[in-house]
Amino acid sequence: MSSYATEQPSRAEVDAMPGLTLVEFGANWCGICKAAQPAINEALRDAQHLRHLKVEDASGRPLGRSFGIKLWPTLVFMRDGLEVGRVVRPGSAADIRRELEQAAAAKH
């Protein structure tokens, strides 16, 4: 499992990313985040076109606050800088895959 990065991009940097991006918010010590990793990894296994950022969130972290993150893990799907989907505490790979497919098909 790759760790949640303590260094995080600014909201402006995330909003400027072209294409499909997944911003995963969580914490390395979070048991629910650890338990969700197999489902997340399975869902994203064939998503080579997807940029995946794992960002450590905590009280006062500006990126998480800008997205209104309340629970971990939260997966925010973005396309060309716009949020097009979100999964909070995913229960299965199918939940994530469904949101990913909708995000990939989203038009703005």
C-alpha atoms as a PDB file:
ATOM      1  CA  MET A   1       0.000   0.000   0.000  1.00  0.00           C
ATOM      2  CA  SER A   2       1.376   3.384  -0.899  1.00  0.00           C
ATOM      3  CA  SER A   3       1.208   5.996   1.825  1.00  0.00           C
ATOM      4  CA  TYR A   4      -0.838   9.148   1.944  1.00  0.00           C
ATOM      5  CA  ALA A   5       1.468  12.023   1.009  1.00  0.00           C
ATOM      6  CA  THR A   6       2.031  14.682   3.640  1.00  0.00           C
ATOM      7  CA  GLU A   7       3.092  17.145   0.946  1.00  0.00           C
ATOM      8  CA  GLN A   8       0.029  18.185  -0.951  1.00  0.00           C
ATOM      9  CA  PRO A   9      -0.693  20.291  -3.987  1.00  0.00           C
ATOM     10  CA  SER A  10      -2.707  23.478  -3.666  1.00  0.00           C
ATOM     11  CA  ARG A  11      -6.353  23.510  -4.693  1.00  0.00           C
ATOM     12  CA  ALA A  12      -5.380  25.670  -7.673  1.00  0.00           C
ATOM     13  CA  GLU A  13      -2.852  23.018  -8.768  1.00  0.00           C
ATOM     14  CA  VAL A  14      -5.446  20.252  -8.473  1.00  0.00           C
ATOM     15  CA  ASP A  15      -8.027  22.328 -10.340  1.00  0.00           C
ATOM     16  CA  ALA A  16      -5.502  22.881 -13.154  1.00  0.00           C
ATOM     17  CA  MET A  17      -4.804  19.153 -13.711  1.00  0.00           C
ATOM     18  CA  PRO A  18      -6.011  18.043 -17.139  1.00  0.00           C
ATOM     19  CA  GLY A  19      -7.852  14.795 -17.715  1.00  0.00           C
ATOM     20  CA  LEU A  20      -9.188  12.407 -15.109  1.00  0.00           C
ATOM     21  CA  THR A  21      -7.800  12.716 -11.577  1.00  0.00           C
ATOM     22  CA  LEU A  22      -8.664  10.881  -8.374  1.00  0.00           C
ATOM     23  CA  VAL A  23      -7.807  12.666  -5.143  1.00  0.00           C
ATOM     24  CA  GLU A  24      -7.933  10.161  -2.283  1.00  0.00           C
ATOM     25  CA  PHE A  25      -8.091  11.719   1.175  1.00  0.00           C
ATOM     26  CA  GLY A  26      -7.163   9.695   4.254  1.00  0.00           C
ATOM     27  CA  ALA A  27      -4.504   9.159   6.886  1.00  0.00           C
ATOM     28  CA  ASN A  28      -1.780   6.536   7.212  1.00  0.00           C
ATOM     29  CA  TRP A  29      -2.900   5.615  10.734  1.00  0.00           C
ATOM     30  CA  CYS A  30      -6.613   5.312   9.779  1.00  0.00           C
ATOM     31  CA  GLY A  31      -7.872   1.744  10.091  1.00  0.00           C
ATOM     32  CA  ILE A  32     -10.831   2.325   7.776  1.00  0.00           C
ATOM     33  CA  CYS A  33      -8.450   3.747   5.150  1.00  0.00           C
ATOM     34  CA  LYS A  34      -6.215   0.669   5.434  1.00  0.00           C
ATOM     35  CA  ALA A  35      -9.206  -1.670   5.186  1.00  0.00           C
ATOM     36  CA  ALA A  36     -10.424   0.109   2.011  1.00  0.00           C
ATOM     37  CA  GLN A  37      -7.099  -0.229   0.152  1.00  0.00           C
ATOM     38  CA  PRO A  38      -7.755  -3.687  -1.390  1.00  0.00           C
ATOM     39  CA  ALA A  39     -11.055  -2.473  -2.896  1.00  0.00           C
ATOM     40  CA  ILE A  40      -9.459   0.771  -4.102  1.00  0.00           C
ATOM     41  CA  ASN A  41      -6.503  -1.067  -5.650  1.00  0.00           C
ATOM     42  CA  GLU A  42      -8.791  -3.598  -7.344  1.00  0.00           C
ATOM     43  CA  ALA A  43     -11.050  -0.881  -8.759  1.00  0.00           C
ATOM     44  CA  LEU A  44      -8.128   1.141 -10.115  1.00  0.00           C
ATOM     45  CA  ARG A  45      -6.031  -1.779 -11.399  1.00  0.00           C
ATOM     46  CA  ASP A  46      -6.898  -1.147 -15.066  1.00  0.00           C
ATOM     47  CA  ALA A  47      -7.299   2.634 -14.880  1.00  0.00           C
ATOM     48  CA  GLN A  48      -4.021   3.678 -16.536  1.00  0.00           C
ATOM     49  CA  HIS A  49      -5.605   6.929 -17.781  1.00  0.00           C
ATOM     50  CA  LEU A  50      -6.300   8.023 -14.198  1.00  0.00           C
ATOM     51  CA  ARG A  51      -3.991  10.275 -12.163  1.00  0.00           C
ATOM     52  CA  HIS A  52      -4.238   9.106  -8.513  1.00  0.00           C
ATOM     53  CA  LEU A  53      -3.177  11.425  -5.691  1.00  0.00           C
ATOM     54  CA  LYS A  54      -3.187  10.031  -2.150  1.00  0.00           C
ATOM     55  CA  VAL A  55      -3.297  13.000   0.186  1.00  0.00           C
ATOM     56  CA  GLU A  56      -2.984  12.904   3.951  1.00  0.00           C
ATOM     57  CA  ASP A  57      -5.838  14.836   5.482  1.00  0.00           C
ATOM     58  CA  ALA A  58      -6.199  16.272   8.975  1.00  0.00           C
ATOM     59  CA  SER A  59      -7.815  19.153  10.753  1.00  0.00           C
ATOM     60  CA  GLY A  60      -6.556  22.376   9.237  1.00  0.00           C
ATOM     61  CA  ARG A  61      -5.186  20.830   6.028  1.00  0.00           C
ATOM     62  CA  PRO A  62      -6.297  23.296   3.345  1.00  0.00           C
ATOM     63  CA  LEU A  63      -6.834  20.881   0.452  1.00  0.00           C
ATOM     64  CA  GLY A  64      -9.182  18.626   2.404  1.00  0.00           C
ATOM     65  CA  ARG A  65     -11.061  21.616   3.777  1.00  0.00           C
ATOM     66  CA  SER A  66     -11.495  23.050   0.270  1.00  0.00           C
ATOM     67  CA  PHE A  67     -13.261  19.812  -0.726  1.00  0.00           C
ATOM     68  CA  GLY A  68     -15.337  19.637   2.469  1.00  0.00           C
ATOM     69  CA  ILE A  69     -13.852  16.296   3.509  1.00  0.00           C
ATOM     70  CA  LYS A  70     -15.464  14.929   6.682  1.00  0.00           C
ATOM     71  CA  LEU A  71     -14.814  11.150   6.614  1.00  0.00           C
ATOM     72  CA  TRP A  72     -11.903   9.004   5.420  1.00  0.00           C
ATOM     73  CA  PRO A  73     -11.238   7.639   2.983  1.00  0.00           C
ATOM     74  CA  THR A  74     -12.979   9.958   0.575  1.00  0.00           C
ATOM     75  CA  LEU A  75     -12.313   9.563  -3.134  1.00  0.00           C
ATOM     76  CA  VAL A  76     -12.924  12.679  -5.223  1.00  0.00           C
ATOM     77  CA  PHE A  77     -13.032  12.140  -8.983  1.00  0.00           C
ATOM     78  CA  MET A  78     -12.156  15.179 -11.060  1.00  0.00           C
ATOM     79  CA  ARG A  79     -12.125  15.789 -14.790  1.00  0.00           C
ATOM     80  CA  ASP A  80     -10.229  18.788 -16.120  1.00  0.00           C
ATOM     81  CA  GLY A  81     -10.352  20.484 -12.721  1.00  0.00           C
ATOM     82  CA  LEU A  82     -14.031  19.929 -11.957  1.00  0.00           C
ATOM     83  CA  GLU A  83     -15.408  17.457  -9.410  1.00  0.00           C
ATOM     84  CA  VAL A  84     -17.482  14.861 -11.269  1.00  0.00           C
ATOM     85  CA  GLY A  85     -17.930  12.215  -8.576  1.00  0.00           C
ATOM     86  CA  ARG A  86     -17.230  11.216  -5.008  1.00  0.00           C
ATOM     87  CA  VAL A  87     -17.185   8.026  -2.949  1.00  0.00           C
ATOM     88  CA  VAL A  88     -17.041   8.289   0.838  1.00  0.00           C
ATOM     89  CA  ARG A  89     -15.828   5.188   2.694  1.00  0.00           C
ATOM     90  CA  PRO A  90     -16.161   2.845  -0.277  1.00  0.00           C
ATOM     91  CA  GLY A  91     -17.638  -0.533   0.566  1.00  0.00           C
ATOM     92  CA  SER A  92     -16.476  -2.404  -2.506  1.00  0.00           C
ATOM     93  CA  ALA A  93     -14.441  -2.177  -5.676  1.00  0.00           C
ATOM     94  CA  ALA A  94     -17.740  -2.085  -7.595  1.00  0.00           C
ATOM     95  CA  ASP A  95     -18.746   1.155  -5.817  1.00  0.00           C
ATOM     96  CA  ILE A  96     -15.485   2.784  -6.890  1.00  0.00           C
ATOM     97  CA  ARG A  97     -15.570   1.362 -10.415  1.00  0.00           C
ATOM     98  CA  ARG A  98     -19.112   2.651 -10.952  1.00  0.00           C
ATOM     99  CA  GLU A  99     -18.098   6.184  -9.917  1.00  0.00           C
ATOM    100  CA  LEU A 100     -14.921   5.982 -12.019  1.00  0.00           C
ATOM    101  CA  GLU A 101     -16.916   4.963 -15.112  1.00  0.00           C
ATOM    102  CA  GLN A 102     -19.360   7.843 -14.563  1.00  0.00           C
ATOM    103  CA  ALA A 103     -16.469  10.278 -14.038  1.00  0.00           C
ATOM    104  CA  ALA A 104     -14.741   9.072 -17.210  1.00  0.00           C
ATOM    105  CA  ALA A 105     -17.958   9.615 -19.193  1.00  0.00           C
ATOM    106  CA  ALA A 106     -18.781  12.995 -17.593  1.00  0.00           C
ATOM    107  CA  LYS A 107     -19.086  16.040 -19.756  1.00  0.00           C
ATOM    108  CA  HIS A 108     -18.833  19.517 -18.301  1.00  0.00           C
END
